[in-house]
Amino acid sequence: MLTSGRGATAGVASGLAGVAEPATVTTDAAYVFFNAAVVARHRIQAANWSAIWYLLSAFAVISHTEHAIYVAFAALGSWIGAFVSITWLGRVPHPKA
């Protein structure tokens, strides 16, 4: 049981907890795939994984704003940001080993 600041006791919502754990597992997996695509300099894969990562994280956005449309803007911005970043990284000269 959790206690709120006013001394009242609040129970953990088992339905929410049952969704939060697998959602976090899936979100972290997407983050790992995103980073692997970045390291490999795969622009499309990195951009796709970035967008997927944001879509999986959308639960908090929807809960906070109560408008799912903001998720589309976040995913699009994430895709563009990852694509442009990998494009820029591809132009950085690599040091010779």
PDB file of N, CA and C in Angstrom:
ATOM      1  N   MET A   1       0.831  -1.183   0.000  1.00  0.00           N
ATOM      2  CA  MET A   1       0.000   0.000   0.000  1.00  0.00           C
ATOM      3  C   MET A   1       0.873   1.243   0.000  1.00  0.00           C
ATOM      4  N   LEU A   2       0.406   2.249  -0.693  1.00  0.00           N
ATOM      5  CA  LEU A   2       1.102   3.525  -0.747  1.00  0.00           C
ATOM      6  C   LEU A   2       0.350   4.539   0.095  1.00  0.00           C
ATOM      7  N   THR A   3       1.069   5.472   0.674  1.00  0.00           N
ATOM      8  CA  THR A   3       0.448   6.505   1.494  1.00  0.00           C
ATOM      9  C   THR A   3       0.594   7.837   0.791  1.00  0.00           C
ATOM     10  N   SER A   4      -0.507   8.574   0.677  1.00  0.00           N
ATOM     11  CA  SER A   4      -0.447   9.896   0.071  1.00  0.00           C
ATOM     12  C   SER A   4       0.044  10.899   1.102  1.00  0.00           C
ATOM     13  N   GLY A   5       0.313  12.114   0.659  1.00  0.00           N
ATOM     14  CA  GLY A   5       0.831  13.160   1.535  1.00  0.00           C
ATOM     15  C   GLY A   5      -0.107  13.513   2.670  1.00  0.00           C
ATOM     16  N   ARG A   6      -1.397  13.261   2.543  1.00  0.00           N
ATOM     17  CA  ARG A   6      -2.369  13.634   3.580  1.00  0.00           C
ATOM     18  C   ARG A   6      -2.632  12.517   4.566  1.00  0.00           C
ATOM     19  N   GLY A   7      -1.863  11.441   4.448  1.00  0.00           N
ATOM     20  CA  GLY A   7      -2.041  10.348   5.388  1.00  0.00           C
ATOM     21  C   GLY A   7      -3.041   9.301   4.932  1.00  0.00           C
ATOM     22  N   ALA A   8      -3.731   9.544   3.832  1.00  0.00           N
ATOM     23  CA  ALA A   8      -4.686   8.562   3.332  1.00  0.00           C
ATOM     24  C   ALA A   8      -3.923   7.424   2.653  1.00  0.00           C
ATOM     25  N   THR A   9      -4.480   6.249   2.698  1.00  0.00           N
ATOM     26  CA  THR A   9      -3.840   5.094   2.077  1.00  0.00           C
ATOM     27  C   THR A   9      -4.459   4.868   0.706  1.00  0.00           C
ATOM     28  N   ALA A  10      -3.577   4.679  -0.281  1.00  0.00           N
ATOM     29  CA  ALA A  10      -4.042   4.431  -1.642  1.00  0.00           C
ATOM     30  C   ALA A  10      -3.476   3.105  -2.116  1.00  0.00           C
ATOM     31  N   GLY A  11      -4.301   2.264  -2.678  1.00  0.00           N
ATOM     32  CA  GLY A  11      -3.851   0.988  -3.205  1.00  0.00           C
ATOM     33  C   GLY A  11      -3.283   1.153  -4.604  1.00  0.00           C
ATOM     34  N   VAL A  12      -2.423   0.247  -4.980  1.00  0.00           N
ATOM     35  CA  VAL A  12      -1.859   0.247  -6.330  1.00  0.00           C
ATOM     36  C   VAL A  12      -2.896  -0.369  -7.257  1.00  0.00           C
ATOM     37  N   ALA A  13      -3.182   0.315  -8.346  1.00  0.00           N
ATOM     38  CA  ALA A  13      -4.147  -0.199  -9.316  1.00  0.00           C
ATOM     39  C   ALA A  13      -3.508  -1.358 -10.068  1.00  0.00           C
ATOM     40  N   SER A  14      -3.956  -2.572  -9.802  1.00  0.00           N
ATOM     41  CA  SER A  14      -3.329  -3.751 -10.400  1.00  0.00           C
ATOM     42  C   SER A  14      -3.450  -3.756 -11.921  1.00  0.00           C
ATOM     43  N   GLY A  15      -4.538  -3.223 -12.451  1.00  0.00           N
ATOM     44  CA  GLY A  15      -4.688  -3.157 -13.904  1.00  0.00           C
ATOM     45  C   GLY A  15      -3.641  -2.254 -14.528  1.00  0.00           C
ATOM     46  N   LEU A  16      -3.419  -1.110 -13.894  1.00  0.00           N
ATOM     47  CA  LEU A  16      -2.410  -0.170 -14.383  1.00  0.00           C
ATOM     48  C   LEU A  16      -1.015  -0.755 -14.235  1.00  0.00           C
ATOM     49  N   ALA A  17      -0.745  -1.394 -13.122  1.00  0.00           N
ATOM     50  CA  ALA A  17       0.561  -2.017 -12.912  1.00  0.00           C
ATOM     51  C   ALA A  17       0.787  -3.148 -13.913  1.00  0.00           C
ATOM     52  N   GLY A  18      -0.266  -3.885 -14.214  1.00  0.00           N
ATOM     53  CA  GLY A  18      -0.169  -4.978 -15.175  1.00  0.00           C
ATOM     54  C   GLY A  18       0.106  -4.500 -16.595  1.00  0.00           C
ATOM     55  N   VAL A  19      -0.230  -3.264 -16.882  1.00  0.00           N
ATOM     56  CA  VAL A  19       0.042  -2.674 -18.191  1.00  0.00           C
ATOM     57  C   VAL A  19       1.390  -1.962 -18.177  1.00  0.00           C
ATOM     58  N   ALA A  20       1.719  -1.330 -17.077  1.00  0.00           N
ATOM     59  CA  ALA A  20       2.948  -0.527 -17.003  1.00  0.00           C
ATOM     60  C   ALA A  20       4.203  -1.371 -17.159  1.00  0.00           C
ATOM     61  N   GLU A  21       4.240  -2.536 -16.541  1.00  0.00           N
ATOM     62  CA  GLU A  21       5.453  -3.351 -16.616  1.00  0.00           C
ATOM     63  C   GLU A  21       5.739  -3.833 -18.025  1.00  0.00           C
ATOM     64  N   PRO A  22       4.809  -4.496 -18.713  1.00  0.00           N
ATOM     65  CA  PRO A  22       5.125  -4.919 -20.083  1.00  0.00           C
ATOM     66  C   PRO A  22       5.353  -3.735 -21.029  1.00  0.00           C
ATOM     67  N   ALA A  23       4.680  -2.624 -20.762  1.00  0.00           N
ATOM     68  CA  ALA A  23       4.898  -1.443 -21.601  1.00  0.00           C
ATOM     69  C   ALA A  23       6.326  -0.933 -21.430  1.00  0.00           C
ATOM     70  N   THR A  24       6.830  -0.955 -20.214  1.00  0.00           N
ATOM     71  CA  THR A  24       8.203  -0.521 -19.957  1.00  0.00           C
ATOM     72  C   THR A  24       9.203  -1.484 -20.580  1.00  0.00           C
ATOM     73  N   VAL A  25       8.951  -2.771 -20.474  1.00  0.00           N
ATOM     74  CA  VAL A  25       9.828  -3.773 -21.097  1.00  0.00           C
ATOM     75  C   VAL A  25       9.902  -3.538 -22.597  1.00  0.00           C
ATOM     76  N   THR A  26       8.754  -3.347 -23.222  1.00  0.00           N
ATOM     77  CA  THR A  26       8.702  -3.135 -24.666  1.00  0.00           C
ATOM     78  C   THR A  26       9.352  -1.813 -25.056  1.00  0.00           C
ATOM     79  N   THR A  27       9.115  -0.773 -24.281  1.00  0.00           N
ATOM     80  CA  THR A  27       9.712   0.532 -24.565  1.00  0.00           C
ATOM     81  C   THR A  27      11.233   0.466 -24.459  1.00  0.00           C
ATOM     82  N   ASP A  28      11.739  -0.203 -23.442  1.00  0.00           N
ATOM     83  CA  ASP A  28      13.191  -0.334 -23.296  1.00  0.00           C
ATOM     84  C   ASP A  28      13.793  -1.161 -24.430  1.00  0.00           C
ATOM     85  N   ALA A  29      13.090  -2.185 -24.874  1.00  0.00           N
ATOM     86  CA  ALA A  29      13.581  -2.979 -26.012  1.00  0.00           C
ATOM     87  C   ALA A  29      13.660  -2.108 -27.268  1.00  0.00           C
ATOM     88  N   ALA A  30      12.647  -1.292 -27.499  1.00  0.00           N
ATOM     89  CA  ALA A  30      12.671  -0.385 -28.650  1.00  0.00           C
ATOM     90  C   ALA A  30      13.840   0.585 -28.549  1.00  0.00           C
ATOM     91  N   TYR A  31      14.124   1.058 -27.341  1.00  0.00           N
ATOM     92  CA  TYR A  31      15.257   1.964 -27.115  1.00  0.00           C
ATOM     93  C   TYR A  31      16.583   1.272 -27.471  1.00  0.00           C
ATOM     94  N   VAL A  32      16.721   0.011 -27.100  1.00  0.00           N
ATOM     95  CA  VAL A  32      17.937  -0.744 -27.426  1.00  0.00           C
ATOM     96  C   VAL A  32      18.067  -0.904 -28.935  1.00  0.00           C
ATOM     97  N   PHE A  33      16.974  -1.260 -29.610  1.00  0.00           N
ATOM     98  CA  PHE A  33      17.016  -1.395 -31.068  1.00  0.00           C
ATOM     99  C   PHE A  33      17.319  -0.056 -31.739  1.00  0.00           C
ATOM    100  N   PHE A  34      16.764   1.022 -31.191  1.00  0.00           N
ATOM    101  CA  PHE A  34      17.054   2.359 -31.712  1.00  0.00           C
ATOM    102  C   PHE A  34      18.549   2.652 -31.620  1.00  0.00           C
ATOM    103  N   ASN A  35      19.128   2.409 -30.448  1.00  0.00           N
ATOM    104  CA  ASN A  35      20.556   2.667 -30.274  1.00  0.00           C
ATOM    105  C   ASN A  35      21.415   1.793 -31.175  1.00  0.00           C
ATOM    106  N   ALA A  36      21.033   0.550 -31.369  1.00  0.00           N
ATOM    107  CA  ALA A  36      21.779  -0.331 -32.272  1.00  0.00           C
ATOM    108  C   ALA A  36      21.739   0.203 -33.702  1.00  0.00           C
ATOM    109  N   ALA A  37      20.584   0.702 -34.116  1.00  0.00           N
ATOM    110  CA  ALA A  37      20.465   1.278 -35.458  1.00  0.00           C
ATOM    111  C   ALA A  37      21.295   2.549 -35.589  1.00  0.00           C
ATOM    112  N   VAL A  38      21.358   3.344 -34.530  1.00  0.00           N
ATOM    113  CA  VAL A  38      22.175   4.562 -34.549  1.00  0.00           C
ATOM    114  C   VAL A  38      23.646   4.194 -34.688  1.00  0.00           C
ATOM    115  N   VAL A  39      24.114   3.244 -33.889  1.00  0.00           N
ATOM    116  CA  VAL A  39      25.517   2.831 -33.942  1.00  0.00           C
ATOM    117  C   VAL A  39      25.860   2.291 -35.332  1.00  0.00           C
ATOM    118  N   ALA A  40      24.928   1.570 -35.938  1.00  0.00           N
ATOM    119  CA  ALA A  40      25.148   1.011 -37.272  1.00  0.00           C
ATOM    120  C   ALA A  40      24.930   2.043 -38.374  1.00  0.00           C
ATOM    121  N   ARG A  41      24.485   3.246 -38.009  1.00  0.00           N
ATOM    122  CA  ARG A  41      24.240   4.341 -38.951  1.00  0.00           C
ATOM    123  C   ARG A  41      23.169   3.985 -39.997  1.00  0.00           C
ATOM    124  N   HIS A  42      22.132   3.286 -39.544  1.00  0.00           N
ATOM    125  CA  HIS A  42      20.996   2.954 -40.402  1.00  0.00           C
ATOM    126  C   HIS A  42      19.904   3.988 -40.172  1.00  0.00           C
ATOM    127  N   ARG A  43      19.808   4.960 -41.085  1.00  0.00           N
ATOM    128  CA  ARG A  43      18.896   6.096 -40.890  1.00  0.00           C
ATOM    129  C   ARG A  43      17.440   5.683 -40.783  1.00  0.00           C
ATOM    130  N   ILE A  44      16.966   4.902 -41.731  1.00  0.00           N
ATOM    131  CA  ILE A  44      15.546   4.519 -41.743  1.00  0.00           C
ATOM    132  C   ILE A  44      15.214   3.673 -40.518  1.00  0.00           C
ATOM    133  N   GLN A  45      16.049   2.679 -40.216  1.00  0.00           N
ATOM    134  CA  GLN A  45      15.790   1.830 -39.042  1.00  0.00           C
ATOM    135  C   GLN A  45      15.817   2.656 -37.758  1.00  0.00           C
ATOM    136  N   ALA A  46      16.792   3.546 -37.629  1.00  0.00           N
ATOM    137  CA  ALA A  46      16.870   4.379 -36.430  1.00  0.00           C
ATOM    138  C   ALA A  46      15.650   5.287 -36.322  1.00  0.00           C
ATOM    139  N   ALA A  47      15.247   5.871 -37.438  1.00  0.00           N
ATOM    140  CA  ALA A  47      14.077   6.747 -37.429  1.00  0.00           C
ATOM    141  C   ALA A  47      12.817   5.960 -37.077  1.00  0.00           C
ATOM    142  N   ASN A  48      12.675   4.767 -37.640  1.00  0.00           N
ATOM    143  CA  ASN A  48      11.504   3.942 -37.330  1.00  0.00           C
ATOM    144  C   ASN A  48      11.483   3.534 -35.864  1.00  0.00           C
ATOM    145  N   TRP A  49      12.627   3.073 -35.336  1.00  0.00           N
ATOM    146  CA  TRP A  49      12.671   2.674 -33.929  1.00  0.00           C
ATOM    147  C   TRP A  49      12.440   3.858 -33.011  1.00  0.00           C
ATOM    148  N   SER A  50      12.914   5.030 -33.411  1.00  0.00           N
ATOM    149  CA  SER A  50      12.682   6.224 -32.606  1.00  0.00           C
ATOM    150  C   SER A  50      11.192   6.543 -32.522  1.00  0.00           C
ATOM    151  N   ALA A  51      10.522   6.474 -33.659  1.00  0.00           N
ATOM    152  CA  ALA A  51       9.078   6.731 -33.677  1.00  0.00           C
ATOM    153  C   ALA A  51       8.317   5.678 -32.864  1.00  0.00           C
ATOM    154  N   ILE A  52       8.719   4.420 -33.004  1.00  0.00           N
ATOM    155  CA  ILE A  52       8.079   3.345 -32.240  1.00  0.00           C
ATOM    156  C   ILE A  52       8.297   3.566 -30.746  1.00  0.00           C
ATOM    157  N   TRP A  53       9.506   3.972 -30.391  1.00  0.00           N
ATOM    158  CA  TRP A  53       9.835   4.239 -28.993  1.00  0.00           C
ATOM    159  C   TRP A  53       8.906   5.314 -28.429  1.00  0.00           C
ATOM    160  N   TYR A  54       8.685   6.365 -29.191  1.00  0.00           N
ATOM    161  CA  TYR A  54       7.787   7.425 -28.735  1.00  0.00           C
ATOM    162  C   TYR A  54       6.335   6.960 -28.680  1.00  0.00           C
ATOM    163  N   LEU A  55       5.931   6.167 -29.650  1.00  0.00           N
ATOM    164  CA  LEU A  55       4.550   5.659 -29.625  1.00  0.00           C
ATOM    165  C   LEU A  55       4.322   4.787 -28.393  1.00  0.00           C
ATOM    166  N   LEU A  56       5.310   3.981 -28.051  1.00  0.00           N
ATOM    167  CA  LEU A  56       5.179   3.147 -26.856  1.00  0.00           C
ATOM    168  C   LEU A  56       5.186   3.986 -25.579  1.00  0.00           C
ATOM    169  N   SER A  57       5.851   5.118 -25.628  1.00  0.00           N
ATOM    170  CA  SER A  57       5.894   6.017 -24.472  1.00  0.00           C
ATOM    171  C   SER A  57       4.660   6.914 -24.401  1.00  0.00           C
ATOM    172  N   ALA A  58       3.791   6.796 -25.369  1.00  0.00           N
ATOM    173  CA  ALA A  58       2.650   7.699 -25.493  1.00  0.00           C
ATOM    174  C   ALA A  58       1.654   7.594 -24.347  1.00  0.00           C
ATOM    175  N   PHE A  59       1.686   6.520 -23.613  1.00  0.00           N
ATOM    176  CA  PHE A  59       0.749   6.349 -22.509  1.00  0.00           C
ATOM    177  C   PHE A  59       0.784   7.558 -21.575  1.00  0.00           C
ATOM    178  N   ALA A  60       1.983   8.028 -21.255  1.00  0.00           N
ATOM    179  CA  ALA A  60       2.115   9.187 -20.367  1.00  0.00           C
ATOM    180  C   ALA A  60       1.590  10.451 -21.025  1.00  0.00           C
ATOM    181  N   VAL A  61       1.844  10.609 -22.318  1.00  0.00           N
ATOM    182  CA  VAL A  61       1.372  11.796 -23.035  1.00  0.00           C
ATOM    183  C   VAL A  61      -0.151  11.834 -23.048  1.00  0.00           C
ATOM    184  N   ILE A  62      -0.760  10.722 -23.386  1.00  0.00           N
ATOM    185  CA  ILE A  62      -2.221  10.664 -23.442  1.00  0.00           C
ATOM    186  C   ILE A  62      -2.812  10.871 -22.051  1.00  0.00           C
ATOM    187  N   SER A  63      -2.206  10.260 -21.052  1.00  0.00           N
ATOM    188  CA  SER A  63      -2.705  10.411 -19.688  1.00  0.00           C
ATOM    189  C   SER A  63      -2.631  11.860 -19.230  1.00  0.00           C
ATOM    190  N   HIS A  64      -1.566  12.551 -19.617  1.00  0.00           N
ATOM    191  CA  HIS A  64      -1.369  13.931 -19.162  1.00  0.00           C
ATOM    192  C   HIS A  64      -2.236  14.917 -19.943  1.00  0.00           C
ATOM    193  N   THR A  65      -2.281  14.777 -21.276  1.00  0.00           N
ATOM    194  CA  THR A  65      -2.989  15.758 -22.100  1.00  0.00           C
ATOM    195  C   THR A  65      -4.431  15.385 -22.383  1.00  0.00           C
ATOM    196  N   GLU A  66      -4.749  14.103 -22.275  1.00  0.00           N
ATOM    197  CA  GLU A  66      -6.065  13.564 -22.607  1.00  0.00           C
ATOM    198  C   GLU A  66      -6.423  13.757 -24.073  1.00  0.00           C
ATOM    199  N   HIS A  67      -5.400  13.958 -24.914  1.00  0.00           N
ATOM    200  CA  HIS A  67      -5.603  14.084 -26.358  1.00  0.00           C
ATOM    201  C   HIS A  67      -4.559  13.241 -27.078  1.00  0.00           C
ATOM    202  N   ALA A  68      -4.995  12.175 -27.722  1.00  0.00           N
ATOM    203  CA  ALA A  68      -4.076  11.254 -28.385  1.00  0.00           C
ATOM    204  C   ALA A  68      -3.392  11.864 -29.596  1.00  0.00           C
ATOM    205  N   ILE A  69      -3.920  12.937 -30.164  1.00  0.00           N
ATOM    206  CA  ILE A  69      -3.332  13.532 -31.365  1.00  0.00           C
ATOM    207  C   ILE A  69      -1.901  13.995 -31.106  1.00  0.00           C
ATOM    208  N   TYR A  70      -1.572  14.376 -29.865  1.00  0.00           N
ATOM    209  CA  TYR A  70      -0.215  14.825 -29.552  1.00  0.00           C
ATOM    210  C   TYR A  70       0.804  13.707 -29.752  1.00  0.00           C
ATOM    211  N   VAL A  71       0.370  12.466 -29.638  1.00  0.00           N
ATOM    212  CA  VAL A  71       1.256  11.326 -29.854  1.00  0.00           C
ATOM    213  C   VAL A  71       1.756  11.306 -31.299  1.00  0.00           C
ATOM    214  N   ALA A  72       0.884  11.621 -32.239  1.00  0.00           N
ATOM    215  CA  ALA A  72       1.287  11.645 -33.648  1.00  0.00           C
ATOM    216  C   ALA A  72       2.361  12.703 -33.885  1.00  0.00           C
ATOM    217  N   PHE A  73       2.206  13.862 -33.279  1.00  0.00           N
ATOM    218  CA  PHE A  73       3.215  14.912 -33.419  1.00  0.00           C
ATOM    219  C   PHE A  73       4.538  14.488 -32.788  1.00  0.00           C
ATOM    220  N   ALA A  74       4.476  13.843 -31.635  1.00  0.00           N
ATOM    221  CA  ALA A  74       5.694  13.371 -30.972  1.00  0.00           C
ATOM    222  C   ALA A  74       6.395  12.311 -31.812  1.00  0.00           C
ATOM    223  N   ALA A  75       5.633  11.377 -32.363  1.00  0.00           N
ATOM    224  CA  ALA A  75       6.229  10.318 -33.184  1.00  0.00           C
ATOM    225  C   ALA A  75       6.842  10.897 -34.448  1.00  0.00           C
ATOM    226  N   LEU A  76       6.158  11.819 -35.102  1.00  0.00           N
ATOM    227  CA  LEU A  76       6.694  12.441 -36.314  1.00  0.00           C
ATOM    228  C   LEU A  76       7.967  13.226 -35.995  1.00  0.00           C
ATOM    229  N   GLY A  77       7.957  13.987 -34.936  1.00  0.00           N
ATOM    230  CA  GLY A  77       9.151  14.731 -34.540  1.00  0.00           C
ATOM    231  C   GLY A  77      10.304  13.804 -34.202  1.00  0.00           C
ATOM    232  N   SER A  78      10.011  12.703 -33.541  1.00  0.00           N
ATOM    233  CA  SER A  78      11.034  11.725 -33.203  1.00  0.00           C
ATOM    234  C   SER A  78      11.631  11.102 -34.457  1.00  0.00           C
ATOM    235  N   TRP A  79      10.770  10.753 -35.418  1.00  0.00           N
ATOM    236  CA  TRP A  79      11.240  10.140 -36.676  1.00  0.00           C
ATOM    237  C   TRP A  79      12.153  11.116 -37.417  1.00  0.00           C
ATOM    238  N   ILE A  80      11.708  12.341 -37.544  1.00  0.00           N
ATOM    239  CA  ILE A  80      12.500  13.355 -38.263  1.00  0.00           C
ATOM    240  C   ILE A  80      13.827  13.596 -37.534  1.00  0.00           C
ATOM    241  N   GLY A  81      13.786  13.734 -36.230  1.00  0.00           N
ATOM    242  CA  GLY A  81      14.998  13.977 -35.460  1.00  0.00           C
ATOM    243  C   GLY A  81      16.012  12.857 -35.599  1.00  0.00           C
ATOM    244  N   ALA A  82      15.556  11.619 -35.523  1.00  0.00           N
ATOM    245  CA  ALA A  82      16.474  10.483 -35.663  1.00  0.00           C
ATOM    246  C   ALA A  82      17.035  10.410 -37.080  1.00  0.00           C
ATOM    247  N   PHE A  83      16.204  10.614 -38.084  1.00  0.00           N
ATOM    248  CA  PHE A  83      16.646  10.546 -39.476  1.00  0.00           C
ATOM    249  C   PHE A  83      17.701  11.616 -39.760  1.00  0.00           C
ATOM    250  N   VAL A  84      17.429  12.837 -39.345  1.00  0.00           N
ATOM    251  CA  VAL A  84      18.376  13.942 -39.577  1.00  0.00           C
ATOM    252  C   VAL A  84      19.671  13.709 -38.796  1.00  0.00           C
ATOM    253  N   SER A  85      19.562  13.214 -37.569  1.00  0.00           N
ATOM    254  CA  SER A  85      20.752  12.961 -36.759  1.00  0.00           C
ATOM    255  C   SER A  85      21.655  11.916 -37.393  1.00  0.00           C
ATOM    256  N   ILE A  86      21.066  10.826 -37.862  1.00  0.00           N
ATOM    257  CA  ILE A  86      21.866   9.770 -38.486  1.00  0.00           C
ATOM    258  C   ILE A  86      22.445  10.268 -39.799  1.00  0.00           C
ATOM    259  N   THR A  87      21.703  11.075 -40.533  1.00  0.00           N
ATOM    260  CA  THR A  87      22.234  11.671 -41.763  1.00  0.00           C
ATOM    261  C   THR A  87      23.459  12.512 -41.430  1.00  0.00           C
ATOM    262  N   TRP A  88      23.369  13.323 -40.386  1.00  0.00           N
ATOM    263  CA  TRP A  88      24.493  14.166 -39.976  1.00  0.00           C
ATOM    264  C   TRP A  88      25.663  13.320 -39.489  1.00  0.00           C
ATOM    265  N   LEU A  89      25.387  12.260 -38.706  1.00  0.00           N
ATOM    266  CA  LEU A  89      26.445  11.392 -38.220  1.00  0.00           C
ATOM    267  C   LEU A  89      27.161  10.695 -39.367  1.00  0.00           C
ATOM    268  N   GLY A  90      26.437  10.387 -40.430  1.00  0.00           N
ATOM    269  CA  GLY A  90      27.045   9.729 -41.585  1.00  0.00           C
ATOM    270  C   GLY A  90      28.052  10.620 -42.282  1.00  0.00           C
ATOM    271  N   ARG A  91      27.986  11.916 -42.081  1.00  0.00           N
ATOM    272  CA  ARG A  91      28.891  12.864 -42.733  1.00  0.00           C
ATOM    273  C   ARG A  91      30.112  13.194 -41.891  1.00  0.00           C
ATOM    274  N   VAL A  92      30.105  12.768 -40.645  1.00  0.00           N
ATOM    275  CA  VAL A  92      31.242  13.027 -39.757  1.00  0.00           C
ATOM    276  C   VAL A  92      32.355  12.052 -40.124  1.00  0.00           C
ATOM    277  N   PRO A  93      33.566  12.554 -40.413  1.00  0.00           N
ATOM    278  CA  PRO A  93      34.658  11.633 -40.768  1.00  0.00           C
ATOM    279  C   PRO A  93      35.019  10.724 -39.601  1.00  0.00           C
ATOM    280  N   HIS A  94      35.237   9.457 -39.912  1.00  0.00           N
ATOM    281  CA  HIS A  94      35.605   8.483 -38.899  1.00  0.00           C
ATOM    282  C   HIS A  94      37.126   8.432 -38.775  1.00  0.00           C
ATOM    283  N   PRO A  95      37.654   8.388 -37.557  1.00  0.00           N
ATOM    284  CA  PRO A  95      39.107   8.298 -37.402  1.00  0.00           C
ATOM    285  C   PRO A  95      39.604   6.934 -37.887  1.00  0.00           C
ATOM    286  N   LYS A  96      40.751   6.927 -38.515  1.00  0.00           N
ATOM    287  CA  LYS A  96      41.347   5.681 -39.006  1.00  0.00           C
ATOM    288  C   LYS A  96      41.956   4.928 -37.824  1.00  0.00           C
ATOM    289  N   ALA A  97      41.729   3.636 -37.796  1.00  0.00           N
ATOM    290  CA  ALA A  97      42.251   2.818 -36.685  1.00  0.00           C
ATOM    291  C   ALA A  97      43.695   2.439 -36.912  1.00  0.00           C
TER     292      ALA A  97
END
